[in-house]
Each structure stands twice: as C-alpha cells, then as structure tokens.
Amino acid sequence: MTEKLCRSPHTAFIMGFECSEPYDDASYLANLLTSEIAVLKGPSTVIWEILDQPASTEEIITEISDVYGLPREAVAESVLVFLDSLLNQGLLQRVNGS
C-alpha cells in the first residue's frame, strides 16, 4: 500500500476572499486543537485543494508540476518542505492508500 496524506479532521480552512478586505490571494488554515494558524498563498492553496482527497506526495508533485507547467524536479523540494510543515503543525495526517 502507498502512504497518502489527507487533511486532518481538526483543521479549518478559510479562503482569503471570504474574510479579507481588500481581497487578497491568501487562504488560512487553523488547527482547532492548538489554535495554530497557517497562511496559504499561490501553490500552497492549490496543494490544499488537491488534498481534498487523500493523495501521495508523488501525486501532489505531479499535479503541481502540471498546473504550473514546470518540471517535477523544479517543484519537488518546495512541495515536500511545505507538506512536512503541514504535517508538523498537525494540519495533515498520513493514511494508507492504494
């Protein structure tokens, strides 16, 4: 089985346009257990949308590469660093997938 990542059930997500004036491109995550907040901009918001369903790191890297028209090698490291950050903040969790 392939390990996948998914959103933690105790994470709230707010799109930036729903709560900011003037409108900006930032979105916000909140860990409801720790009250820790994360700000998402650009590709990080796209990654969060991909994680609406469990996805492997390889699937996420491929999707970001395709969306931005960049080689996988150009996005892989920053995607992995971002995912590790979300895992460390308790905003993502690991699940078994197929």
N, C-alpha and C. Protein backbone atom coordinates (compact mmCIF):
# COMPACT_ATOMS: atom_id res chain seq x y z
N MET A 1 0.82 -1.19 0.00
CA MET A 1 0.00 0.00 0.00
C MET A 1 0.87 1.26 0.00
N THR A 2 0.39 2.27 -0.67
CA THR A 2 1.08 3.54 -0.75
C THR A 2 0.57 4.47 0.36
N GLU A 3 1.49 5.10 1.05
CA GLU A 3 1.11 6.07 2.06
C GLU A 3 0.60 7.34 1.37
N LYS A 4 -0.51 7.85 1.88
CA LYS A 4 -1.07 9.08 1.35
C LYS A 4 -1.23 10.08 2.47
N LEU A 5 -1.42 11.32 2.09
CA LEU A 5 -1.67 12.40 3.03
C LEU A 5 -3.11 12.88 2.86
N CYS A 6 -3.69 13.32 3.94
CA CYS A 6 -5.03 13.91 3.87
C CYS A 6 -5.14 15.00 4.93
N ARG A 7 -6.17 15.80 4.79
CA ARG A 7 -6.42 16.87 5.74
C ARG A 7 -6.79 16.28 7.09
N SER A 8 -6.27 16.85 8.15
CA SER A 8 -6.64 16.43 9.50
C SER A 8 -8.07 16.88 9.78
N PRO A 9 -8.84 16.07 10.49
CA PRO A 9 -10.24 16.43 10.75
C PRO A 9 -10.41 17.66 11.64
N HIS A 10 -9.37 18.02 12.36
CA HIS A 10 -9.46 19.18 13.25
C HIS A 10 -8.82 20.43 12.63
N THR A 11 -8.87 20.51 11.27
CA THR A 11 -8.33 21.66 10.56
C THR A 11 -9.45 22.43 9.89
N ALA A 12 -9.49 23.73 10.13
CA ALA A 12 -10.45 24.61 9.47
C ALA A 12 -9.74 25.33 8.33
N PHE A 13 -10.45 25.54 7.22
CA PHE A 13 -9.91 26.21 6.04
C PHE A 13 -10.81 27.37 5.67
N ILE A 14 -10.20 28.53 5.45
CA ILE A 14 -10.95 29.72 5.06
C ILE A 14 -10.27 30.32 3.83
N MET A 15 -11.02 30.44 2.74
CA MET A 15 -10.49 31.10 1.55
C MET A 15 -10.32 32.58 1.85
N GLY A 16 -9.25 33.16 1.39
CA GLY A 16 -8.94 34.56 1.65
C GLY A 16 -10.04 35.52 1.25
N PHE A 17 -10.69 35.27 0.12
CA PHE A 17 -11.71 36.21 -0.33
C PHE A 17 -12.94 36.21 0.56
N GLU A 18 -13.07 35.23 1.43
CA GLU A 18 -14.22 35.16 2.32
C GLU A 18 -14.05 36.02 3.56
N CYS A 19 -12.82 36.44 3.85
CA CYS A 19 -12.61 37.10 5.12
C CYS A 19 -11.69 38.31 5.08
N SER A 20 -11.27 38.73 3.91
CA SER A 20 -10.30 39.83 3.89
C SER A 20 -10.77 40.98 3.02
N GLU A 21 -10.37 42.16 3.42
CA GLU A 21 -10.60 43.35 2.61
C GLU A 21 -9.34 44.18 2.66
N PRO A 22 -8.79 44.68 1.61
CA PRO A 22 -9.25 44.33 0.28
C PRO A 22 -8.95 42.87 -0.03
N TYR A 23 -9.57 42.33 -1.03
CA TYR A 23 -9.39 40.91 -1.35
C TYR A 23 -7.93 40.62 -1.66
N ASP A 24 -7.48 39.48 -1.18
CA ASP A 24 -6.12 39.05 -1.50
C ASP A 24 -6.15 37.59 -1.88
N ASP A 25 -5.00 37.06 -2.21
CA ASP A 25 -4.96 35.67 -2.65
C ASP A 25 -4.59 34.70 -1.53
N ALA A 26 -4.61 35.17 -0.31
CA ALA A 26 -4.25 34.30 0.82
C ALA A 26 -5.46 33.51 1.30
N SER A 27 -5.20 32.29 1.73
CA SER A 27 -6.18 31.45 2.42
C SER A 27 -5.57 31.09 3.76
N TYR A 28 -6.40 30.58 4.65
CA TYR A 28 -5.94 30.35 6.02
C TYR A 28 -6.35 28.97 6.51
N LEU A 29 -5.44 28.34 7.26
CA LEU A 29 -5.71 27.07 7.93
C LEU A 29 -5.58 27.31 9.42
N ALA A 30 -6.43 26.63 10.18
CA ALA A 30 -6.33 26.72 11.64
C ALA A 30 -6.42 25.31 12.21
N ASN A 31 -5.46 24.98 13.07
CA ASN A 31 -5.52 23.73 13.82
C ASN A 31 -6.45 24.01 15.00
N LEU A 32 -7.61 23.36 15.01
CA LEU A 32 -8.62 23.63 16.03
C LEU A 32 -8.25 23.08 17.40
N LEU A 33 -7.22 22.24 17.46
CA LEU A 33 -6.76 21.72 18.74
C LEU A 33 -5.71 22.63 19.40
N THR A 34 -4.89 23.28 18.56
CA THR A 34 -3.79 24.09 19.10
C THR A 34 -3.96 25.59 18.83
N SER A 35 -4.93 25.95 18.03
CA SER A 35 -5.18 27.34 17.60
C SER A 35 -4.06 27.89 16.73
N GLU A 36 -3.19 27.03 16.22
CA GLU A 36 -2.11 27.46 15.33
C GLU A 36 -2.71 27.80 13.97
N ILE A 37 -2.25 28.90 13.37
CA ILE A 37 -2.74 29.39 12.09
C ILE A 37 -1.63 29.27 11.04
N ALA A 38 -2.02 28.89 9.83
CA ALA A 38 -1.09 28.88 8.70
C ALA A 38 -1.72 29.70 7.58
N VAL A 39 -0.89 30.48 6.91
CA VAL A 39 -1.34 31.29 5.77
C VAL A 39 -0.89 30.59 4.50
N LEU A 40 -1.82 30.42 3.56
CA LEU A 40 -1.52 29.79 2.29
C LEU A 40 -1.62 30.82 1.18
N LYS A 41 -0.65 30.78 0.27
CA LYS A 41 -0.68 31.64 -0.91
C LYS A 41 -0.19 30.83 -2.11
N GLY A 42 -0.70 31.16 -3.27
CA GLY A 42 -0.23 30.55 -4.52
C GLY A 42 -0.31 29.04 -4.52
N PRO A 43 0.82 28.37 -4.83
CA PRO A 43 0.81 26.91 -4.95
C PRO A 43 0.37 26.19 -3.67
N SER A 44 0.59 26.80 -2.51
CA SER A 44 0.18 26.12 -1.28
C SER A 44 -1.34 25.97 -1.21
N THR A 45 -2.08 26.94 -1.74
CA THR A 45 -3.54 26.81 -1.79
C THR A 45 -3.94 25.70 -2.76
N VAL A 46 -3.23 25.59 -3.88
CA VAL A 46 -3.51 24.52 -4.84
C VAL A 46 -3.25 23.16 -4.20
N ILE A 47 -2.16 23.05 -3.45
CA ILE A 47 -1.86 21.79 -2.76
C ILE A 47 -2.98 21.44 -1.79
N TRP A 48 -3.47 22.42 -1.05
CA TRP A 48 -4.55 22.17 -0.10
C TRP A 48 -5.80 21.67 -0.83
N GLU A 49 -6.08 22.24 -2.00
CA GLU A 49 -7.23 21.79 -2.79
C GLU A 49 -7.04 20.37 -3.28
N ILE A 50 -5.81 20.02 -3.69
CA ILE A 50 -5.51 18.64 -4.11
C ILE A 50 -5.81 17.68 -2.96
N LEU A 51 -5.51 18.11 -1.74
CA LEU A 51 -5.69 17.25 -0.57
C LEU A 51 -7.13 17.17 -0.09
N ASP A 52 -8.07 17.61 -0.93
CA ASP A 52 -9.48 17.39 -0.64
C ASP A 52 -9.76 15.88 -0.58
N GLN A 53 -8.94 15.12 -1.31
CA GLN A 53 -8.95 13.66 -1.29
C GLN A 53 -7.54 13.20 -0.92
N PRO A 54 -7.40 12.07 -0.24
CA PRO A 54 -6.05 11.59 0.08
C PRO A 54 -5.20 11.48 -1.18
N ALA A 55 -3.94 11.90 -1.07
CA ALA A 55 -3.02 11.88 -2.21
C ALA A 55 -1.62 11.57 -1.72
N SER A 56 -0.86 10.87 -2.56
CA SER A 56 0.54 10.60 -2.24
C SER A 56 1.38 11.84 -2.57
N THR A 57 2.57 11.89 -2.00
CA THR A 57 3.45 13.02 -2.30
C THR A 57 3.77 13.06 -3.79
N GLU A 58 3.93 11.90 -4.40
CA GLU A 58 4.21 11.85 -5.84
C GLU A 58 3.04 12.41 -6.65
N GLU A 59 1.82 12.08 -6.26
CA GLU A 59 0.65 12.61 -6.96
C GLU A 59 0.58 14.13 -6.82
N ILE A 60 0.89 14.64 -5.64
CA ILE A 60 0.85 16.08 -5.40
C ILE A 60 1.92 16.79 -6.22
N ILE A 61 3.12 16.26 -6.22
CA ILE A 61 4.21 16.86 -7.00
C ILE A 61 3.85 16.87 -8.49
N THR A 62 3.32 15.77 -8.99
CA THR A 62 2.93 15.69 -10.40
C THR A 62 1.86 16.72 -10.73
N GLU A 63 0.86 16.85 -9.87
CA GLU A 63 -0.23 17.81 -10.10
C GLU A 63 0.30 19.25 -10.11
N ILE A 64 1.14 19.60 -9.17
CA ILE A 64 1.71 20.95 -9.12
C ILE A 64 2.57 21.20 -10.35
N SER A 65 3.36 20.22 -10.74
CA SER A 65 4.18 20.33 -11.94
C SER A 65 3.31 20.60 -13.17
N ASP A 66 2.20 19.87 -13.28
CA ASP A 66 1.29 20.04 -14.41
C ASP A 66 0.59 21.40 -14.38
N VAL A 67 0.09 21.80 -13.22
CA VAL A 67 -0.66 23.06 -13.09
C VAL A 67 0.23 24.25 -13.47
N TYR A 68 1.48 24.24 -13.02
CA TYR A 68 2.36 25.38 -13.24
C TYR A 68 3.28 25.21 -14.46
N GLY A 69 3.17 24.06 -15.14
CA GLY A 69 3.98 23.83 -16.34
C GLY A 69 5.47 23.81 -16.08
N LEU A 70 5.84 23.27 -14.92
CA LEU A 70 7.25 23.20 -14.53
C LEU A 70 7.68 21.74 -14.41
N PRO A 71 8.97 21.46 -14.58
CA PRO A 71 9.45 20.09 -14.38
C PRO A 71 9.26 19.66 -12.92
N ARG A 72 9.01 18.38 -12.74
CA ARG A 72 8.84 17.82 -11.38
C ARG A 72 10.02 18.19 -10.49
N GLU A 73 11.22 18.14 -11.05
CA GLU A 73 12.42 18.43 -10.26
C GLU A 73 12.42 19.87 -9.74
N ALA A 74 11.76 20.76 -10.46
CA ALA A 74 11.74 22.17 -10.08
C ALA A 74 10.79 22.44 -8.92
N VAL A 75 9.80 21.57 -8.72
CA VAL A 75 8.80 21.82 -7.67
C VAL A 75 8.90 20.84 -6.50
N ALA A 76 9.55 19.71 -6.70
CA ALA A 76 9.53 18.63 -5.71
C ALA A 76 9.99 19.06 -4.33
N GLU A 77 11.13 19.71 -4.24
CA GLU A 77 11.68 20.05 -2.92
C GLU A 77 10.77 21.00 -2.15
N SER A 78 10.27 22.04 -2.81
CA SER A 78 9.42 23.00 -2.11
C SER A 78 8.08 22.37 -1.72
N VAL A 79 7.55 21.48 -2.55
CA VAL A 79 6.31 20.78 -2.19
C VAL A 79 6.54 19.91 -0.96
N LEU A 80 7.64 19.18 -0.93
CA LEU A 80 7.93 18.30 0.21
C LEU A 80 8.14 19.10 1.50
N VAL A 81 8.83 20.22 1.41
CA VAL A 81 9.04 21.07 2.59
C VAL A 81 7.70 21.58 3.11
N PHE A 82 6.83 22.02 2.20
CA PHE A 82 5.52 22.52 2.60
C PHE A 82 4.69 21.41 3.25
N LEU A 83 4.67 20.22 2.66
CA LEU A 83 3.91 19.10 3.23
C LEU A 83 4.44 18.73 4.61
N ASP A 84 5.76 18.70 4.78
CA ASP A 84 6.35 18.42 6.09
C ASP A 84 5.92 19.45 7.12
N SER A 85 5.86 20.70 6.70
CA SER A 85 5.43 21.78 7.60
C SER A 85 3.99 21.56 8.06
N LEU A 86 3.11 21.21 7.12
CA LEU A 86 1.71 20.96 7.48
C LEU A 86 1.57 19.74 8.38
N LEU A 87 2.37 18.71 8.13
CA LEU A 87 2.35 17.53 9.00
C LEU A 87 2.81 17.90 10.40
N ASN A 88 3.89 18.66 10.51
CA ASN A 88 4.42 19.06 11.81
C ASN A 88 3.46 19.94 12.59
N GLN A 89 2.64 20.71 11.89
CA GLN A 89 1.66 21.57 12.54
C GLN A 89 0.35 20.83 12.85
N GLY A 90 0.27 19.55 12.46
CA GLY A 90 -0.93 18.77 12.71
C GLY A 90 -2.08 19.10 11.78
N LEU A 91 -1.78 19.74 10.65
CA LEU A 91 -2.83 20.12 9.71
C LEU A 91 -3.10 19.03 8.67
N LEU A 92 -2.15 18.11 8.54
CA LEU A 92 -2.28 16.93 7.67
C LEU A 92 -2.04 15.69 8.50
N GLN A 93 -2.51 14.56 7.97
CA GLN A 93 -2.22 13.28 8.60
C GLN A 93 -1.90 12.26 7.52
N ARG A 94 -1.19 11.22 7.91
CA ARG A 94 -0.84 10.14 6.98
C ARG A 94 -1.91 9.06 7.07
N VAL A 95 -2.25 8.50 5.90
CA VAL A 95 -3.21 7.40 5.84
C VAL A 95 -2.70 6.37 4.84
N ASN A 96 -3.14 5.15 4.96
CA ASN A 96 -2.80 4.13 4.00
C ASN A 96 -3.74 4.25 2.81
N GLY A 97 -3.18 4.13 1.63
CA GLY A 97 -3.98 4.22 0.41
C GLY A 97 -3.62 3.09 -0.52
N SER A 98 -4.28 3.06 -1.65
CA SER A 98 -3.97 2.02 -2.63
C SER A 98 -3.46 2.61 -3.91
